Amino acid sequence: CGDGVRVRNVLCYAIAGGNFEPVVGSLCNPLLEPPSEEICDLEDCGGVYEATPWSV
């Protein structure tokens, strides 16, 4: 629960013979590369605070 990181593969492809073929990353524009990971809030932890009475 709580914060986490999710990841995905980001690959560079070129069209060869009408098909997408993976190529080396240097053939793609690095400014257009989508992120391969991001911070995410996976789910609510469901926890709650409980306080005891003040001491005297």
PDB file of N, CA and C in Angstrom:
ATOM      1  N   CYS A   1       0.840  -1.187   0.000  1.00  0.00           N
ATOM      2  CA  CYS A   1       0.000   0.000   0.000  1.00  0.00           C
ATOM      3  C   CYS A   1       0.879   1.241   0.000  1.00  0.00           C
ATOM      4  N   GLY A   2       0.287   2.354  -0.219  1.00  0.00           N
ATOM      5  CA  GLY A   2       1.036   3.604  -0.205  1.00  0.00           C
ATOM      6  C   GLY A   2       1.827   3.834  -1.472  1.00  0.00           C
ATOM      7  N   ASP A   3       2.867   4.643  -1.350  1.00  0.00           N
ATOM      8  CA  ASP A   3       3.662   5.008  -2.522  1.00  0.00           C
ATOM      9  C   ASP A   3       4.439   3.820  -3.058  1.00  0.00           C
ATOM     10  N   GLY A   4       4.625   3.831  -4.348  1.00  0.00           N
ATOM     11  CA  GLY A   4       5.394   2.787  -5.005  1.00  0.00           C
ATOM     12  C   GLY A   4       5.954   3.322  -6.306  1.00  0.00           C
ATOM     13  N   VAL A   5       6.590   2.467  -7.042  1.00  0.00           N
ATOM     14  CA  VAL A   5       7.132   2.827  -8.346  1.00  0.00           C
ATOM     15  C   VAL A   5       6.676   1.767  -9.329  1.00  0.00           C
ATOM     16  N   ARG A   6       6.143   2.207 -10.450  1.00  0.00           N
ATOM     17  CA  ARG A   6       5.823   1.233 -11.485  1.00  0.00           C
ATOM     18  C   ARG A   6       6.761   1.460 -12.653  1.00  0.00           C
ATOM     19  N   VAL A   7       7.097   0.392 -13.339  1.00  0.00           N
ATOM     20  CA  VAL A   7       8.086   0.443 -14.414  1.00  0.00           C
ATOM     21  C   VAL A   7       7.523  -0.204 -15.673  1.00  0.00           C
ATOM     22  N   ARG A   8       8.088   0.168 -16.781  1.00  0.00           N
ATOM     23  CA  ARG A   8       7.725  -0.427 -18.067  1.00  0.00           C
ATOM     24  C   ARG A   8       8.937  -0.377 -18.977  1.00  0.00           C
ATOM     25  N   ASN A   9       8.949  -1.230 -19.973  1.00  0.00           N
ATOM     26  CA  ASN A   9      10.018  -1.220 -20.967  1.00  0.00           C
ATOM     27  C   ASN A   9       9.724  -0.144 -22.001  1.00  0.00           C
ATOM     28  N   VAL A  10      10.722   0.633 -22.338  1.00  0.00           N
ATOM     29  CA  VAL A  10      10.619   1.630 -23.401  1.00  0.00           C
ATOM     30  C   VAL A  10      11.703   1.293 -24.415  1.00  0.00           C
ATOM     31  N   LEU A  11      11.283   0.963 -25.620  1.00  0.00           N
ATOM     32  CA  LEU A  11      12.223   0.526 -26.650  1.00  0.00           C
ATOM     33  C   LEU A  11      12.163   1.446 -27.859  1.00  0.00           C
ATOM     34  N   CYS A  12      13.239   1.493 -28.599  1.00  0.00           N
ATOM     35  CA  CYS A  12      13.334   2.267 -29.832  1.00  0.00           C
ATOM     36  C   CYS A  12      13.069   1.323 -31.005  1.00  0.00           C
ATOM     37  N   TYR A  13      12.137   1.719 -31.886  1.00  0.00           N
ATOM     38  CA  TYR A  13      11.789   0.901 -33.044  1.00  0.00           C
ATOM     39  C   TYR A  13      11.944   1.708 -34.323  1.00  0.00           C
ATOM     40  N   ALA A  14      12.195   1.012 -35.417  1.00  0.00           N
ATOM     41  CA  ALA A  14      12.216   1.614 -36.746  1.00  0.00           C
ATOM     42  C   ALA A  14      11.366   0.735 -37.658  1.00  0.00           C
ATOM     43  N   ILE A  15      10.826   1.336 -38.707  1.00  0.00           N
ATOM     44  CA  ILE A  15      10.035   0.569 -39.670  1.00  0.00           C
ATOM     45  C   ILE A  15      10.983   0.006 -40.722  1.00  0.00           C
ATOM     46  N   ALA A  16      10.950  -1.317 -40.861  1.00  0.00           N
ATOM     47  CA  ALA A  16      11.785  -2.005 -41.851  1.00  0.00           C
ATOM     48  C   ALA A  16      10.909  -3.018 -42.574  1.00  0.00           C
ATOM     49  N   GLY A  17      10.760  -2.849 -43.870  1.00  0.00           N
ATOM     50  CA  GLY A  17       9.942  -3.772 -44.647  1.00  0.00           C
ATOM     51  C   GLY A  17       8.487  -3.775 -44.213  1.00  0.00           C
ATOM     52  N   GLY A  18       7.998  -2.636 -43.742  1.00  0.00           N
ATOM     53  CA  GLY A  18       6.606  -2.533 -43.312  1.00  0.00           C
ATOM     54  C   GLY A  18       6.357  -3.040 -41.908  1.00  0.00           C
ATOM     55  N   ASN A  19       7.398  -3.472 -41.218  1.00  0.00           N
ATOM     56  CA  ASN A  19       7.262  -3.976 -39.847  1.00  0.00           C
ATOM     57  C   ASN A  19       8.072  -3.113 -38.882  1.00  0.00           C
ATOM     58  N   PHE A  20       7.629  -3.060 -37.636  1.00  0.00           N
ATOM     59  CA  PHE A  20       8.399  -2.392 -36.593  1.00  0.00           C
ATOM     60  C   PHE A  20       9.482  -3.344 -36.105  1.00  0.00           C
ATOM     61  N   GLU A  21      10.724  -2.884 -36.144  1.00  0.00           N
ATOM     62  CA  GLU A  21      11.859  -3.682 -35.694  1.00  0.00           C
ATOM     63  C   GLU A  21      12.598  -2.921 -34.593  1.00  0.00           C
ATOM     64  N   PRO A  22      12.964  -3.589 -33.482  1.00  0.00           N
ATOM     65  CA  PRO A  22      13.732  -2.904 -32.440  1.00  0.00           C
ATOM     66  C   PRO A  22      15.120  -2.530 -32.959  1.00  0.00           C
ATOM     67  N   VAL A  23      15.564  -1.314 -32.599  1.00  0.00           N
ATOM     68  CA  VAL A  23      16.886  -0.833 -33.004  1.00  0.00           C
ATOM     69  C   VAL A  23      17.580  -0.225 -31.788  1.00  0.00           C
ATOM     70  N   VAL A  24      18.849   0.125 -31.933  1.00  0.00           N
ATOM     71  CA  VAL A  24      19.594   0.729 -30.826  1.00  0.00           C
ATOM     72  C   VAL A  24      18.982   2.084 -30.474  1.00  0.00           C
ATOM     73  N   GLY A  25      19.026   2.423 -29.196  1.00  0.00           N
ATOM     74  CA  GLY A  25      18.410   3.645 -28.703  1.00  0.00           C
ATOM     75  C   GLY A  25      18.950   4.917 -29.321  1.00  0.00           C
ATOM     76  N   SER A  26      20.178   4.891 -29.812  1.00  0.00           N
ATOM     77  CA  SER A  26      20.765   6.096 -30.406  1.00  0.00           C
ATOM     78  C   SER A  26      20.065   6.509 -31.701  1.00  0.00           C
ATOM     79  N   LEU A  27      19.229   5.630 -32.271  1.00  0.00           N
ATOM     80  CA  LEU A  27      18.497   5.970 -33.488  1.00  0.00           C
ATOM     81  C   LEU A  27      17.191   6.703 -33.197  1.00  0.00           C
ATOM     82  N   CYS A  28      16.823   6.816 -31.933  1.00  0.00           N
ATOM     83  CA  CYS A  28      15.606   7.536 -31.547  1.00  0.00           C
ATOM     84  C   CYS A  28      15.976   8.850 -30.866  1.00  0.00           C
ATOM     85  N   ASN A  29      15.097   9.817 -30.971  1.00  0.00           N
ATOM     86  CA  ASN A  29      15.308  11.121 -30.351  1.00  0.00           C
ATOM     87  C   ASN A  29      15.098  11.003 -28.842  1.00  0.00           C
ATOM     88  N   PRO A  30      16.130  11.241 -28.028  1.00  0.00           N
ATOM     89  CA  PRO A  30      15.983  11.095 -26.573  1.00  0.00           C
ATOM     90  C   PRO A  30      14.984  12.078 -25.964  1.00  0.00           C
ATOM     91  N   LEU A  31      14.723  13.195 -26.638  1.00  0.00           N
ATOM     92  CA  LEU A  31      13.744  14.165 -26.125  1.00  0.00           C
ATOM     93  C   LEU A  31      12.312  13.645 -26.229  1.00  0.00           C
ATOM     94  N   LEU A  32      12.098  12.651 -27.080  1.00  0.00           N
ATOM     95  CA  LEU A  32      10.763  12.087 -27.273  1.00  0.00           C
ATOM     96  C   LEU A  32      10.546  10.788 -26.502  1.00  0.00           C
ATOM     97  N   GLU A  33      11.574  10.343 -25.789  1.00  0.00           N
ATOM     98  CA  GLU A  33      11.468   9.070 -25.066  1.00  0.00           C
ATOM     99  C   GLU A  33      10.512   9.197 -23.882  1.00  0.00           C
ATOM    100  N   PRO A  34       9.481   8.353 -23.816  1.00  0.00           N
ATOM    101  CA  PRO A  34       8.573   8.392 -22.671  1.00  0.00           C
ATOM    102  C   PRO A  34       9.259   7.835 -21.425  1.00  0.00           C
ATOM    103  N   PRO A  35       8.795   8.210 -20.245  1.00  0.00           N
ATOM    104  CA  PRO A  35       9.433   7.716 -19.017  1.00  0.00           C
ATOM    105  C   PRO A  35       9.279   6.205 -18.875  1.00  0.00           C
ATOM    106  N   SER A  36      10.287   5.576 -18.298  1.00  0.00           N
ATOM    107  CA  SER A  36      10.238   4.128 -18.086  1.00  0.00           C
ATOM    108  C   SER A  36       9.795   3.785 -16.665  1.00  0.00           C
ATOM    109  N   GLU A  37       9.714   4.801 -15.786  1.00  0.00           N
ATOM    110  CA  GLU A  37       9.213   4.549 -14.436  1.00  0.00           C
ATOM    111  C   GLU A  37       8.525   5.797 -13.908  1.00  0.00           C
ATOM    112  N   GLU A  38       7.614   5.587 -12.968  1.00  0.00           N
ATOM    113  CA  GLU A  38       6.933   6.707 -12.337  1.00  0.00           C
ATOM    114  C   GLU A  38       6.507   6.330 -10.929  1.00  0.00           C
ATOM    115  N   ILE A  39       6.425   7.346 -10.099  1.00  0.00           N
ATOM    116  CA  ILE A  39       5.940   7.163  -8.735  1.00  0.00           C
ATOM    117  C   ILE A  39       4.428   7.012  -8.806  1.00  0.00           C
ATOM    118  N   CYS A  40       3.885   6.111  -8.028  1.00  0.00           N
ATOM    119  CA  CYS A  40       2.438   5.930  -8.045  1.00  0.00           C
ATOM    120  C   CYS A  40       1.930   5.648  -6.638  1.00  0.00           C
ATOM    121  N   ASP A  41       0.671   5.937  -6.443  1.00  0.00           N
ATOM    122  CA  ASP A  41      -0.008   5.641  -5.188  1.00  0.00           C
ATOM    123  C   ASP A  41      -0.800   4.368  -5.448  1.00  0.00           C
ATOM    124  N   LEU A  42      -0.227   3.245  -5.060  1.00  0.00           N
ATOM    125  CA  LEU A  42      -0.796   1.954  -5.429  1.00  0.00           C
ATOM    126  C   LEU A  42      -2.173   1.715  -4.837  1.00  0.00           C
ATOM    127  N   GLU A  43      -2.362   2.012  -3.579  1.00  0.00           N
ATOM    128  CA  GLU A  43      -3.669   1.863  -2.943  1.00  0.00           C
ATOM    129  C   GLU A  43      -3.620   2.472  -1.551  1.00  0.00           C
ATOM    130  N   ASP A  44      -4.783   2.758  -1.025  1.00  0.00           N
ATOM    131  CA  ASP A  44      -4.884   3.294   0.326  1.00  0.00           C
ATOM    132  C   ASP A  44      -4.472   2.218   1.319  1.00  0.00           C
ATOM    133  N   CYS A  45      -3.659   2.600   2.302  1.00  0.00           N
ATOM    134  CA  CYS A  45      -3.190   1.636   3.300  1.00  0.00           C
ATOM    135  C   CYS A  45      -4.295   1.233   4.273  1.00  0.00           C
ATOM    136  N   GLY A  46      -5.320   2.045   4.404  1.00  0.00           N
ATOM    137  CA  GLY A  46      -6.431   1.695   5.282  1.00  0.00           C
ATOM    138  C   GLY A  46      -6.145   1.912   6.757  1.00  0.00           C
ATOM    139  N   GLY A  47      -5.005   2.460   7.102  1.00  0.00           N
ATOM    140  CA  GLY A  47      -4.666   2.697   8.508  1.00  0.00           C
ATOM    141  C   GLY A  47      -5.337   3.952   9.039  1.00  0.00           C
ATOM    142  N   VAL A  48      -5.589   3.957  10.330  1.00  0.00           N
ATOM    143  CA  VAL A  48      -6.157   5.133  10.997  1.00  0.00           C
ATOM    144  C   VAL A  48      -5.396   5.363  12.291  1.00  0.00           C
ATOM    145  N   TYR A  49      -5.343   6.617  12.727  1.00  0.00           N
ATOM    146  CA  TYR A  49      -4.715   6.944  14.007  1.00  0.00           C
ATOM    147  C   TYR A  49      -5.700   6.716  15.139  1.00  0.00           C
ATOM    148  N   GLU A  50      -5.178   6.301  16.268  1.00  0.00           N
ATOM    149  CA  GLU A  50      -5.970   6.202  17.494  1.00  0.00           C
ATOM    150  C   GLU A  50      -5.095   6.725  18.621  1.00  0.00           C
ATOM    151  N   ALA A  51      -5.640   7.630  19.429  1.00  0.00           N
ATOM    152  CA  ALA A  51      -4.867   8.232  20.521  1.00  0.00           C
ATOM    153  C   ALA A  51      -5.423   7.760  21.858  1.00  0.00           C
ATOM    154  N   THR A  52      -4.522   7.504  22.778  1.00  0.00           N
ATOM    155  CA  THR A  52      -4.935   7.141  24.141  1.00  0.00           C
ATOM    156  C   THR A  52      -5.173   8.428  24.932  1.00  0.00           C
ATOM    157  N   PRO A  53      -5.828   8.343  26.079  1.00  0.00           N
ATOM    158  CA  PRO A  53      -6.048   9.549  26.884  1.00  0.00           C
ATOM    159  C   PRO A  53      -4.722  10.149  27.338  1.00  0.00           C
ATOM    160  N   TRP A  54      -4.726  11.467  27.579  1.00  0.00           N
ATOM    161  CA  TRP A  54      -3.539  12.155  28.073  1.00  0.00           C
ATOM    162  C   TRP A  54      -3.163  11.614  29.441  1.00  0.00           C
ATOM    163  N   SER A  55      -1.862  11.535  29.691  1.00  0.00           N
ATOM    164  CA  SER A  55      -1.411  11.117  31.026  1.00  0.00           C
ATOM    165  C   SER A  55      -1.538  12.303  31.989  1.00  0.00           C
ATOM    166  N   VAL A  56      -1.653  12.019  33.278  1.00  0.00           N
ATOM    167  CA  VAL A  56      -1.786  13.075  34.294  1.00  0.00           C
ATOM    168  C   VAL A  56      -0.543  13.200  35.122  1.00  0.00           C
TER     169      VAL A  56
END
